[in-house]
Amino acid sequence: MESGEIRDDQLSSSSSYSSSVVARMGRLGREEGGGAWCPRSVVTNSSEEWIQVELGQQTLVTGVVLQGRYDRGLGAEWAQVVRILAWSHGTWLQLGNTRPANVDTFTPVLVSLEP
């Protein structure tokens, strides 16, 4: 995603706080706009906010890299835990358990999806 090989129209989300933090801004190291994708509301333990990548074909994904809201170093938000799901045979499958994510805004974290 960071390279732009995945087009903006392949990205969607449950909501966005504003037009400067829409799904297409959810690329690693993004500096324009608000520097990230941010959901409309503050996320809680019962929130169901998501960002989705439509790959268009069956693709082996071995990991996901997560980073907090970069925004030229001005961001102060990040996901502490994530759930990763994949669409398969007409249903969503959770890939493993809820996983730890970021501890700060700046440090990218690799969530491995390999067994």
Protein backbone atom coordinates (compact mmCIF):
# COMPACT_ATOMS: atom_id res chain seq x y z
CA MET A 1 0.00 0.00 0.00
CA GLU A 2 2.77 2.43 0.85
CA SER A 3 4.10 2.39 -2.72
CA GLY A 4 0.73 3.34 -4.21
CA GLU A 5 0.47 0.07 -6.15
CA ILE A 6 -2.86 -0.39 -4.40
CA ARG A 7 -5.05 2.40 -5.77
CA ASP A 8 -7.04 4.82 -3.62
CA ASP A 9 -10.31 3.34 -4.91
CA GLN A 10 -9.29 -0.04 -3.43
CA LEU A 11 -9.39 1.45 0.09
CA SER A 12 -12.53 1.99 2.15
CA SER A 13 -13.40 2.45 5.81
CA SER A 14 -16.29 2.33 8.25
CA SER A 15 -16.13 6.10 8.75
CA SER A 16 -13.74 9.04 8.70
CA TYR A 17 -13.29 11.92 11.10
CA SER A 18 -12.86 14.39 8.21
CA SER A 19 -11.89 14.55 4.54
CA SER A 20 -8.21 14.87 5.53
CA VAL A 21 -8.17 11.42 7.21
CA VAL A 22 -10.14 9.22 4.79
CA ALA A 23 -9.18 5.60 4.00
CA ARG A 24 -6.76 6.55 1.19
CA MET A 25 -4.67 8.37 3.80
CA GLY A 26 -4.13 5.07 5.64
CA ARG A 27 -0.78 4.40 3.97
CA LEU A 28 2.44 3.97 5.94
CA GLY A 29 4.38 7.21 6.46
CA ARG A 30 1.61 9.35 4.91
CA GLU A 31 2.37 13.02 5.45
CA GLU A 32 -0.29 14.85 3.45
CA GLY A 33 -3.71 15.59 4.86
CA GLY A 34 -4.09 14.43 8.46
CA GLY A 35 -1.36 11.83 8.09
CA ALA A 36 -3.56 8.73 8.52
CA TRP A 37 -7.01 7.23 8.38
CA CYS A 38 -8.98 8.20 11.51
CA PRO A 39 -12.50 6.98 12.31
CA ARG A 40 -15.30 9.46 12.99
CA SER A 41 -15.57 8.71 16.73
CA VAL A 42 -13.12 7.94 19.48
CA VAL A 43 -12.51 4.19 19.46
CA THR A 44 -13.60 2.21 22.53
CA ASN A 45 -13.57 -1.48 23.47
CA SER A 46 -16.97 -1.87 21.82
CA SER A 47 -16.18 0.09 18.62
CA GLU A 48 -16.45 -1.62 15.25
CA GLU A 49 -14.32 0.72 13.12
CA TRP A 50 -12.36 -0.69 10.19
CA ILE A 51 -10.24 0.05 7.16
CA GLN A 52 -10.47 -2.35 4.21
CA VAL A 53 -8.17 -3.11 1.30
CA GLU A 54 -9.75 -4.68 -1.80
CA LEU A 55 -6.96 -6.65 -3.47
CA GLY A 56 -9.08 -7.67 -6.46
CA GLN A 57 -7.74 -11.19 -6.69
CA GLN A 58 -6.68 -14.00 -4.41
CA THR A 59 -3.46 -12.78 -2.80
CA LEU A 60 -1.16 -14.23 -0.16
CA VAL A 61 -0.77 -11.58 2.54
CA THR A 62 2.00 -12.45 4.99
CA GLY A 63 1.77 -9.41 7.24
CA VAL A 64 0.38 -5.97 7.89
CA VAL A 65 2.46 -2.98 9.00
CA LEU A 66 0.70 -0.55 11.36
CA GLN A 67 1.71 2.97 12.33
CA GLY A 68 0.02 5.69 14.35
CA ARG A 69 -1.11 9.00 12.86
CA TYR A 70 2.16 10.33 11.52
CA ASP A 71 1.10 13.81 10.28
CA ARG A 72 4.66 15.22 10.10
CA GLY A 73 5.22 14.17 13.71
CA LEU A 74 2.15 16.06 14.97
CA GLY A 75 -0.16 13.07 15.35
CA ALA A 76 -0.92 11.61 18.76
CA GLU A 77 -3.19 8.67 17.95
CA TRP A 78 -2.49 4.98 17.38
CA ALA A 79 -4.17 1.58 17.64
CA GLN A 80 -3.07 -0.41 20.69
CA VAL A 81 -4.71 -3.63 19.44
CA VAL A 82 -6.15 -4.82 16.12
CA ARG A 83 -8.19 -7.65 14.67
CA ILE A 84 -7.35 -8.68 11.13
CA LEU A 85 -10.02 -10.33 8.99
CA ALA A 86 -10.04 -11.71 5.46
CA TRP A 87 -12.95 -12.35 3.10
CA SER A 88 -13.02 -16.00 2.04
CA HIS A 89 -15.76 -18.00 0.34
CA GLY A 90 -18.46 -15.46 1.16
CA THR A 91 -17.63 -14.86 4.81
CA TRP A 92 -15.23 -12.87 6.98
CA LEU A 93 -12.61 -14.94 8.81
CA GLN A 94 -10.65 -13.54 11.73
CA LEU A 95 -6.94 -14.28 11.27
CA GLY A 96 -5.77 -15.26 14.73
CA ASN A 97 -6.63 -13.49 17.94
CA THR A 98 -6.73 -9.79 18.68
CA ARG A 99 -3.13 -8.68 18.30
CA PRO A 100 -1.03 -6.00 19.99
CA ALA A 101 -0.31 -3.07 17.69
CA ASN A 102 1.34 0.30 18.30
CA VAL A 103 2.77 1.80 21.47
CA ASP A 104 3.49 5.23 19.95
CA THR A 105 2.84 7.35 16.87
CA PHE A 106 6.15 6.88 15.09
CA THR A 107 7.18 3.21 15.28
CA PRO A 108 5.81 0.95 12.52
CA VAL A 109 4.78 -2.48 13.85
CA LEU A 110 4.70 -5.62 11.72
CA VAL A 111 1.81 -7.93 12.47
CA SER A 112 2.86 -11.24 10.95
CA LEU A 113 0.14 -13.40 9.42
CA GLU A 114 2.39 -16.38 8.82
CA PRO A 115 1.75 -19.49 10.94
